[in-house]
Amino acid sequence: MPTCKDCFHHEVCADFRRNICEIDQRRFEEYKINSDDLCGNFKSKAYFVELPCKVSDTVYQIIGHYDYIRECKVVGFHLGEFSDLRGHKRKPYLICRSDSSRYLSHLDIDKIGKTVFFALDEAEAALKDGGKNANV
């Protein structure tokens, strides 16, 4: 059975109830919620995902076999796990497009900080570094 702590609004709601308690102890009783009885604003945290960036953000990908950095715009996300045409398991990824290509790129989210960066200077440092100090 879900409780208030399983709600997306839990932190804000708890602050609200705490402030009411400080202002007027009697009114606080109105806002107490039984663990068996969820309020009308309950939204399960299980349905929310925090993304590493937003659509339209610029990312920089190190293209290893060419030793250069490609700038791309994020145009979407894929969150489920699936197998590609070769049968390889794919994890969540960013869907990106560069100005120089009409094709979409799929950049694995677990490559952020290794070969995919949100700042050009970080990508340049990693390229010079040869990946030795990339975030793991």
N, C-alpha and C. Protein backbone atom coordinates (compact mmCIF):
# COMPACT_ATOMS: atom_id res chain seq x y z
N MET A 1 0.84 -1.19 0.00
CA MET A 1 0.00 0.00 0.00
C MET A 1 0.89 1.25 0.00
N PRO A 2 0.69 2.15 -0.94
CA PRO A 2 1.52 3.36 -0.98
C PRO A 2 1.25 4.27 0.22
N THR A 3 2.25 5.04 0.57
CA THR A 3 2.12 6.03 1.65
C THR A 3 2.47 7.40 1.08
N CYS A 4 2.39 8.41 1.92
CA CYS A 4 2.73 9.77 1.50
C CYS A 4 4.16 9.85 0.97
N LYS A 5 5.07 9.06 1.52
CA LYS A 5 6.47 9.12 1.09
C LYS A 5 6.65 8.59 -0.33
N ASP A 6 5.67 7.87 -0.86
CA ASP A 6 5.72 7.36 -2.22
C ASP A 6 5.18 8.37 -3.23
N CYS A 7 4.73 9.52 -2.73
CA CYS A 7 4.11 10.54 -3.58
C CYS A 7 5.16 11.51 -4.13
N PHE A 8 4.98 11.91 -5.39
CA PHE A 8 5.86 12.88 -6.04
C PHE A 8 5.86 14.21 -5.30
N HIS A 9 4.76 14.57 -4.67
CA HIS A 9 4.60 15.85 -3.99
C HIS A 9 5.03 15.81 -2.53
N HIS A 10 5.57 14.69 -2.06
CA HIS A 10 5.81 14.49 -0.64
C HIS A 10 6.60 15.62 0.02
N GLU A 11 7.72 16.04 -0.58
CA GLU A 11 8.56 17.05 0.05
C GLU A 11 7.82 18.37 0.21
N VAL A 12 7.12 18.80 -0.83
CA VAL A 12 6.39 20.06 -0.78
C VAL A 12 5.23 19.95 0.20
N CYS A 13 4.51 18.88 0.14
CA CYS A 13 3.36 18.68 1.01
C CYS A 13 3.80 18.64 2.47
N ALA A 14 4.89 17.95 2.77
CA ALA A 14 5.40 17.89 4.15
C ALA A 14 5.78 19.28 4.64
N ASP A 15 6.40 20.09 3.79
CA ASP A 15 6.74 21.47 4.17
C ASP A 15 5.48 22.27 4.45
N PHE A 16 4.48 22.10 3.60
CA PHE A 16 3.21 22.81 3.78
C PHE A 16 2.59 22.45 5.13
N ARG A 17 2.51 21.16 5.42
CA ARG A 17 1.92 20.72 6.68
C ARG A 17 2.74 21.20 7.88
N ARG A 18 4.06 21.21 7.75
CA ARG A 18 4.93 21.68 8.84
C ARG A 18 4.70 23.17 9.10
N ASN A 19 4.58 23.97 8.03
CA ASN A 19 4.32 25.40 8.18
C ASN A 19 2.97 25.67 8.83
N ILE A 20 1.94 24.92 8.45
CA ILE A 20 0.62 25.07 9.06
C ILE A 20 0.72 24.77 10.55
N CYS A 21 1.49 23.74 10.88
CA CYS A 21 1.65 23.35 12.27
C CYS A 21 2.27 24.50 13.08
N GLU A 22 3.24 25.18 12.51
CA GLU A 22 3.89 26.28 13.21
C GLU A 22 2.94 27.46 13.37
N ILE A 23 2.06 27.67 12.40
CA ILE A 23 1.13 28.80 12.44
C ILE A 23 -0.03 28.52 13.40
N ASP A 24 -0.63 27.37 13.25
CA ASP A 24 -1.84 27.08 14.02
C ASP A 24 -1.95 25.57 14.22
N GLN A 25 -1.70 25.12 15.42
CA GLN A 25 -1.69 23.69 15.74
C GLN A 25 -3.05 23.04 15.42
N ARG A 26 -4.14 23.75 15.66
CA ARG A 26 -5.46 23.19 15.41
C ARG A 26 -5.68 22.92 13.92
N ARG A 27 -5.24 23.85 13.08
CA ARG A 27 -5.42 23.66 11.63
C ARG A 27 -4.57 22.51 11.11
N PHE A 28 -3.44 22.25 11.78
CA PHE A 28 -2.57 21.15 11.34
C PHE A 28 -3.31 19.83 11.36
N GLU A 29 -4.18 19.65 12.32
CA GLU A 29 -4.93 18.39 12.43
C GLU A 29 -5.75 18.13 11.17
N GLU A 30 -6.19 19.21 10.50
CA GLU A 30 -6.97 19.05 9.27
C GLU A 30 -6.14 18.43 8.15
N TYR A 31 -4.85 18.64 8.19
CA TYR A 31 -3.98 18.21 7.10
C TYR A 31 -3.26 16.90 7.37
N LYS A 32 -3.54 16.28 8.51
CA LYS A 32 -2.93 14.97 8.76
C LYS A 32 -3.57 13.95 7.84
N ILE A 33 -2.76 13.05 7.34
CA ILE A 33 -3.26 12.04 6.40
C ILE A 33 -2.93 10.67 6.96
N ASN A 34 -3.92 9.80 7.01
CA ASN A 34 -3.67 8.42 7.41
C ASN A 34 -2.88 7.73 6.31
N SER A 35 -2.05 6.76 6.69
CA SER A 35 -1.32 6.01 5.67
C SER A 35 -2.29 5.18 4.83
N ASP A 36 -3.49 4.90 5.37
CA ASP A 36 -4.49 4.12 4.63
C ASP A 36 -5.30 4.99 3.68
N ASP A 37 -5.27 6.29 3.88
CA ASP A 37 -6.14 7.19 3.13
C ASP A 37 -5.28 8.27 2.46
N LEU A 38 -4.99 8.12 1.17
CA LEU A 38 -4.15 9.08 0.47
C LEU A 38 -4.97 10.27 0.01
N CYS A 39 -4.32 11.42 -0.05
CA CYS A 39 -5.04 12.64 -0.46
C CYS A 39 -5.31 12.63 -1.97
N GLY A 40 -6.11 13.58 -2.40
CA GLY A 40 -6.49 13.67 -3.80
C GLY A 40 -5.36 14.10 -4.72
N ASN A 41 -4.25 14.60 -4.15
CA ASN A 41 -3.11 15.04 -4.97
C ASN A 41 -2.05 13.96 -5.13
N PHE A 42 -2.31 12.75 -4.65
CA PHE A 42 -1.30 11.69 -4.69
C PHE A 42 -0.93 11.34 -6.13
N LYS A 43 0.39 11.36 -6.41
CA LYS A 43 0.94 10.91 -7.69
C LYS A 43 2.15 10.06 -7.36
N SER A 44 2.13 8.82 -7.77
CA SER A 44 3.20 7.88 -7.43
C SER A 44 4.52 8.29 -8.07
N LYS A 45 5.60 8.25 -7.29
CA LYS A 45 6.94 8.56 -7.80
C LYS A 45 7.37 7.55 -8.86
N ALA A 46 6.75 6.38 -8.86
CA ALA A 46 7.13 5.33 -9.80
C ALA A 46 6.91 5.73 -11.25
N TYR A 47 6.08 6.76 -11.49
CA TYR A 47 5.77 7.17 -12.86
C TYR A 47 6.64 8.31 -13.36
N PHE A 48 7.60 8.78 -12.56
CA PHE A 48 8.41 9.94 -12.93
C PHE A 48 9.86 9.54 -13.11
N VAL A 49 10.50 10.12 -14.12
CA VAL A 49 11.90 9.88 -14.42
C VAL A 49 12.59 11.23 -14.52
N GLU A 50 13.74 11.37 -13.88
CA GLU A 50 14.50 12.61 -14.00
C GLU A 50 15.48 12.45 -15.15
N LEU A 51 15.33 13.27 -16.16
CA LEU A 51 16.17 13.18 -17.35
C LEU A 51 17.45 14.00 -17.15
N PRO A 52 18.53 13.62 -17.83
CA PRO A 52 19.80 14.33 -17.65
C PRO A 52 19.83 15.71 -18.30
N CYS A 53 18.91 15.98 -19.21
CA CYS A 53 18.87 17.28 -19.89
C CYS A 53 17.47 17.43 -20.47
N LYS A 54 17.26 18.50 -21.23
CA LYS A 54 15.95 18.70 -21.83
C LYS A 54 16.07 18.69 -23.36
N VAL A 55 14.94 18.51 -24.01
CA VAL A 55 14.91 18.57 -25.46
C VAL A 55 15.35 19.98 -25.87
N SER A 56 16.17 20.08 -26.87
CA SER A 56 16.76 21.30 -27.44
C SER A 56 18.10 21.65 -26.80
N ASP A 57 18.53 20.93 -25.76
CA ASP A 57 19.87 21.15 -25.21
C ASP A 57 20.92 20.71 -26.21
N THR A 58 22.09 21.32 -26.13
CA THR A 58 23.22 20.93 -26.99
C THR A 58 24.09 19.96 -26.22
N VAL A 59 24.49 18.88 -26.88
CA VAL A 59 25.44 17.92 -26.31
C VAL A 59 26.61 17.79 -27.27
N TYR A 60 27.74 17.37 -26.73
CA TYR A 60 28.96 17.22 -27.51
C TYR A 60 29.42 15.78 -27.38
N GLN A 61 29.57 15.13 -28.53
CA GLN A 61 29.96 13.72 -28.56
C GLN A 61 31.36 13.59 -29.13
N ILE A 62 32.20 12.84 -28.41
CA ILE A 62 33.53 12.55 -28.94
C ILE A 62 33.39 11.36 -29.89
N ILE A 63 33.79 11.58 -31.12
CA ILE A 63 33.77 10.50 -32.12
C ILE A 63 35.18 9.90 -32.12
N GLY A 64 35.34 8.80 -31.43
CA GLY A 64 36.65 8.22 -31.18
C GLY A 64 37.45 7.86 -32.41
N HIS A 65 36.82 7.19 -33.38
CA HIS A 65 37.59 6.74 -34.54
C HIS A 65 37.99 7.89 -35.46
N TYR A 66 37.41 9.08 -35.27
CA TYR A 66 37.83 10.24 -36.06
C TYR A 66 38.55 11.29 -35.21
N ASP A 67 38.56 11.11 -33.89
CA ASP A 67 39.18 12.05 -32.96
C ASP A 67 38.67 13.47 -33.15
N TYR A 68 37.37 13.63 -33.18
CA TYR A 68 36.80 14.97 -33.22
C TYR A 68 35.52 15.00 -32.37
N ILE A 69 35.03 16.20 -32.15
CA ILE A 69 33.84 16.40 -31.33
C ILE A 69 32.70 16.84 -32.24
N ARG A 70 31.57 16.16 -32.11
CA ARG A 70 30.39 16.51 -32.90
C ARG A 70 29.36 17.18 -31.98
N GLU A 71 28.87 18.33 -32.40
CA GLU A 71 27.84 19.05 -31.64
C GLU A 71 26.48 18.57 -32.13
N CYS A 72 25.60 18.25 -31.20
CA CYS A 72 24.26 17.76 -31.53
C CYS A 72 23.21 18.44 -30.66
N LYS A 73 22.01 18.52 -31.17
CA LYS A 73 20.86 18.99 -30.40
C LYS A 73 20.03 17.78 -29.98
N VAL A 74 19.60 17.76 -28.72
CA VAL A 74 18.73 16.69 -28.24
C VAL A 74 17.34 16.93 -28.80
N VAL A 75 16.79 15.92 -29.47
CA VAL A 75 15.45 16.04 -30.04
C VAL A 75 14.46 15.08 -29.38
N GLY A 76 14.96 14.20 -28.50
CA GLY A 76 14.07 13.27 -27.81
C GLY A 76 14.84 12.32 -26.93
N PHE A 77 14.09 11.41 -26.31
CA PHE A 77 14.66 10.42 -25.40
C PHE A 77 14.00 9.08 -25.66
N HIS A 78 14.75 8.03 -25.41
CA HIS A 78 14.17 6.69 -25.39
C HIS A 78 14.52 6.10 -24.04
N LEU A 79 13.52 5.66 -23.29
CA LEU A 79 13.77 5.22 -21.92
C LEU A 79 13.72 3.71 -21.73
N GLY A 80 13.06 2.98 -22.58
CA GLY A 80 12.95 1.54 -22.40
C GLY A 80 14.19 0.80 -22.86
N GLU A 81 14.30 -0.46 -22.44
CA GLU A 81 15.41 -1.29 -22.90
C GLU A 81 14.90 -2.12 -24.07
N PHE A 82 15.71 -2.24 -25.10
CA PHE A 82 15.30 -3.02 -26.26
C PHE A 82 16.54 -3.58 -26.95
N SER A 83 16.33 -4.45 -27.92
CA SER A 83 17.44 -5.00 -28.69
C SER A 83 17.47 -4.31 -30.05
N ASP A 84 18.67 -3.95 -30.51
CA ASP A 84 18.77 -3.31 -31.82
C ASP A 84 18.76 -4.38 -32.92
N LEU A 85 18.99 -3.97 -34.16
CA LEU A 85 18.91 -4.92 -35.29
C LEU A 85 19.93 -6.04 -35.19
N ARG A 86 21.05 -5.78 -34.51
CA ARG A 86 22.09 -6.81 -34.35
C ARG A 86 21.85 -7.68 -33.11
N GLY A 87 20.79 -7.40 -32.37
CA GLY A 87 20.50 -8.19 -31.17
C GLY A 87 21.19 -7.68 -29.92
N HIS A 88 21.88 -6.53 -30.01
CA HIS A 88 22.54 -5.97 -28.83
C HIS A 88 21.50 -5.27 -27.95
N LYS A 89 21.60 -5.47 -26.65
CA LYS A 89 20.69 -4.78 -25.72
C LYS A 89 21.06 -3.31 -25.67
N ARG A 90 20.08 -2.44 -25.82
CA ARG A 90 20.27 -0.99 -25.74
C ARG A 90 19.60 -0.48 -24.48
N LYS A 91 20.27 0.44 -23.81
CA LYS A 91 19.73 1.06 -22.61
C LYS A 91 19.14 2.41 -22.99
N PRO A 92 18.62 3.15 -22.01
CA PRO A 92 18.07 4.48 -22.33
C PRO A 92 19.09 5.36 -23.05
N TYR A 93 18.61 6.16 -24.00
CA TYR A 93 19.52 7.00 -24.77
C TYR A 93 18.87 8.32 -25.15
N LEU A 94 19.74 9.28 -25.49
CA LEU A 94 19.31 10.57 -26.03
C LEU A 94 19.17 10.42 -27.54
N ILE A 95 18.17 11.03 -28.12
CA ILE A 95 18.04 11.06 -29.57
C ILE A 95 18.48 12.46 -30.00
N CYS A 96 19.52 12.52 -30.82
CA CYS A 96 20.13 13.80 -31.18
C CYS A 96 20.26 13.94 -32.69
N ARG A 97 20.38 15.19 -33.12
CA ARG A 97 20.61 15.49 -34.53
C ARG A 97 21.66 16.58 -34.61
N SER A 98 22.64 16.39 -35.49
CA SER A 98 23.66 17.43 -35.69
C SER A 98 23.26 18.26 -36.92
N ASP A 99 23.75 19.48 -36.98
CA ASP A 99 23.45 20.35 -38.12
C ASP A 99 24.03 19.81 -39.42
N SER A 100 25.11 19.04 -39.30
CA SER A 100 25.79 18.55 -40.49
C SER A 100 25.21 17.24 -41.02
N SER A 101 24.19 16.71 -40.34
CA SER A 101 23.66 15.41 -40.76
C SER A 101 22.13 15.45 -40.72
N ARG A 102 21.54 14.74 -41.64
CA ARG A 102 20.08 14.62 -41.61
C ARG A 102 19.65 13.40 -40.81
N TYR A 103 20.62 12.62 -40.33
CA TYR A 103 20.33 11.40 -39.58
C TYR A 103 20.29 11.68 -38.08
N LEU A 104 19.55 10.86 -37.37
CA LEU A 104 19.48 10.96 -35.92
C LEU A 104 20.57 10.09 -35.31
N SER A 105 21.11 10.54 -34.20
CA SER A 105 22.09 9.75 -33.43
C SER A 105 21.44 9.30 -32.15
N HIS A 106 21.80 8.12 -31.70
CA HIS A 106 21.34 7.60 -30.42
C HIS A 106 22.54 7.56 -29.50
N LEU A 107 22.55 8.41 -28.46
CA LEU A 107 23.67 8.51 -27.55
C LEU A 107 23.27 7.91 -26.21
N ASP A 108 23.93 6.82 -25.83
CA ASP A 108 23.59 6.14 -24.58
C ASP A 108 23.77 7.07 -23.39
N ILE A 109 22.79 7.08 -22.50
CA ILE A 109 22.83 7.95 -21.33
C ILE A 109 24.01 7.59 -20.43
N ASP A 110 24.39 6.31 -20.39
CA ASP A 110 25.51 5.93 -19.52
C ASP A 110 26.87 6.38 -20.08
N LYS A 111 26.88 6.99 -21.27
CA LYS A 111 28.12 7.55 -21.84
C LYS A 111 28.33 9.01 -21.44
N ILE A 112 27.35 9.61 -20.75
CA ILE A 112 27.49 11.01 -20.32
C ILE A 112 28.65 11.09 -19.34
N GLY A 113 29.57 12.00 -19.63
CA GLY A 113 30.77 12.16 -18.80
C GLY A 113 31.93 11.31 -19.30
N LYS A 114 31.69 10.46 -20.30
CA LYS A 114 32.74 9.63 -20.88
C LYS A 114 33.02 10.06 -22.32
N THR A 115 32.00 9.96 -23.17
CA THR A 115 32.13 10.41 -24.56
C THR A 115 31.03 11.39 -24.96
N VAL A 116 30.10 11.66 -24.07
CA VAL A 116 29.02 12.62 -24.30
C VAL A 116 29.06 13.64 -23.18
N PHE A 117 29.06 14.94 -23.55
CA PHE A 117 29.21 16.01 -22.57
C PHE A 117 28.21 17.12 -22.85
N PHE A 118 27.90 17.90 -21.81
CA PHE A 118 26.98 19.04 -21.96
C PHE A 118 27.73 20.35 -22.16
N ALA A 119 29.06 20.33 -22.04
CA ALA A 119 29.87 21.54 -22.22
C ALA A 119 31.01 21.22 -23.18
N LEU A 120 31.27 22.13 -24.12
CA LEU A 120 32.32 21.92 -25.11
C LEU A 120 33.69 21.80 -24.46
N ASP A 121 33.97 22.63 -23.45
CA ASP A 121 35.29 22.57 -22.82
C ASP A 121 35.53 21.23 -22.13
N GLU A 122 34.48 20.62 -21.56
CA GLU A 122 34.63 19.28 -20.97
C GLU A 122 34.94 18.24 -22.04
N ALA A 123 34.28 18.34 -23.18
CA ALA A 123 34.52 17.39 -24.28
C ALA A 123 35.93 17.57 -24.83
N GLU A 124 36.38 18.82 -24.98
CA GLU A 124 37.74 19.07 -25.48
C GLU A 124 38.78 18.53 -24.51
N ALA A 125 38.56 18.73 -23.21
CA ALA A 125 39.50 18.21 -22.21
C ALA A 125 39.56 16.68 -22.25
N ALA A 126 38.41 16.04 -22.40
CA ALA A 126 38.37 14.58 -22.47
C ALA A 126 39.04 14.07 -23.74
N LEU A 127 38.88 14.80 -24.84
CA LEU A 127 39.51 14.41 -26.10
C LEU A 127 41.03 14.50 -26.00
N LYS A 128 41.54 15.59 -25.42
CA LYS A 128 42.99 15.75 -25.22
C LYS A 128 43.52 14.69 -24.26
N ASP A 129 42.72 14.40 -23.26
CA ASP A 129 43.07 13.46 -22.20
C ASP A 129 43.08 12.02 -22.71
N GLY A 130 42.41 11.78 -23.77
CA GLY A 130 42.30 10.41 -24.29
C GLY A 130 41.34 9.55 -23.47
N GLY A 131 40.48 10.21 -22.68
CA GLY A 131 39.50 9.48 -21.87
C GLY A 131 40.03 8.99 -20.55
N LYS A 132 41.27 9.32 -20.20
CA LYS A 132 41.86 8.82 -18.96
C LYS A 132 41.17 9.34 -17.72
N ASN A 133 40.70 10.60 -17.75
CA ASN A 133 40.07 11.19 -16.56
C ASN A 133 38.58 11.38 -16.74
N ALA A 134 37.96 10.63 -17.62
CA ALA A 134 36.52 10.76 -17.83
C ALA A 134 35.78 10.29 -16.60
N ASN A 135 34.65 10.94 -16.31
CA ASN A 135 33.84 10.55 -15.14
C ASN A 135 33.32 9.15 -15.37
N VAL A 136 33.41 8.32 -14.36
CA VAL A 136 32.93 6.95 -14.48
C VAL A 136 31.66 6.77 -13.71
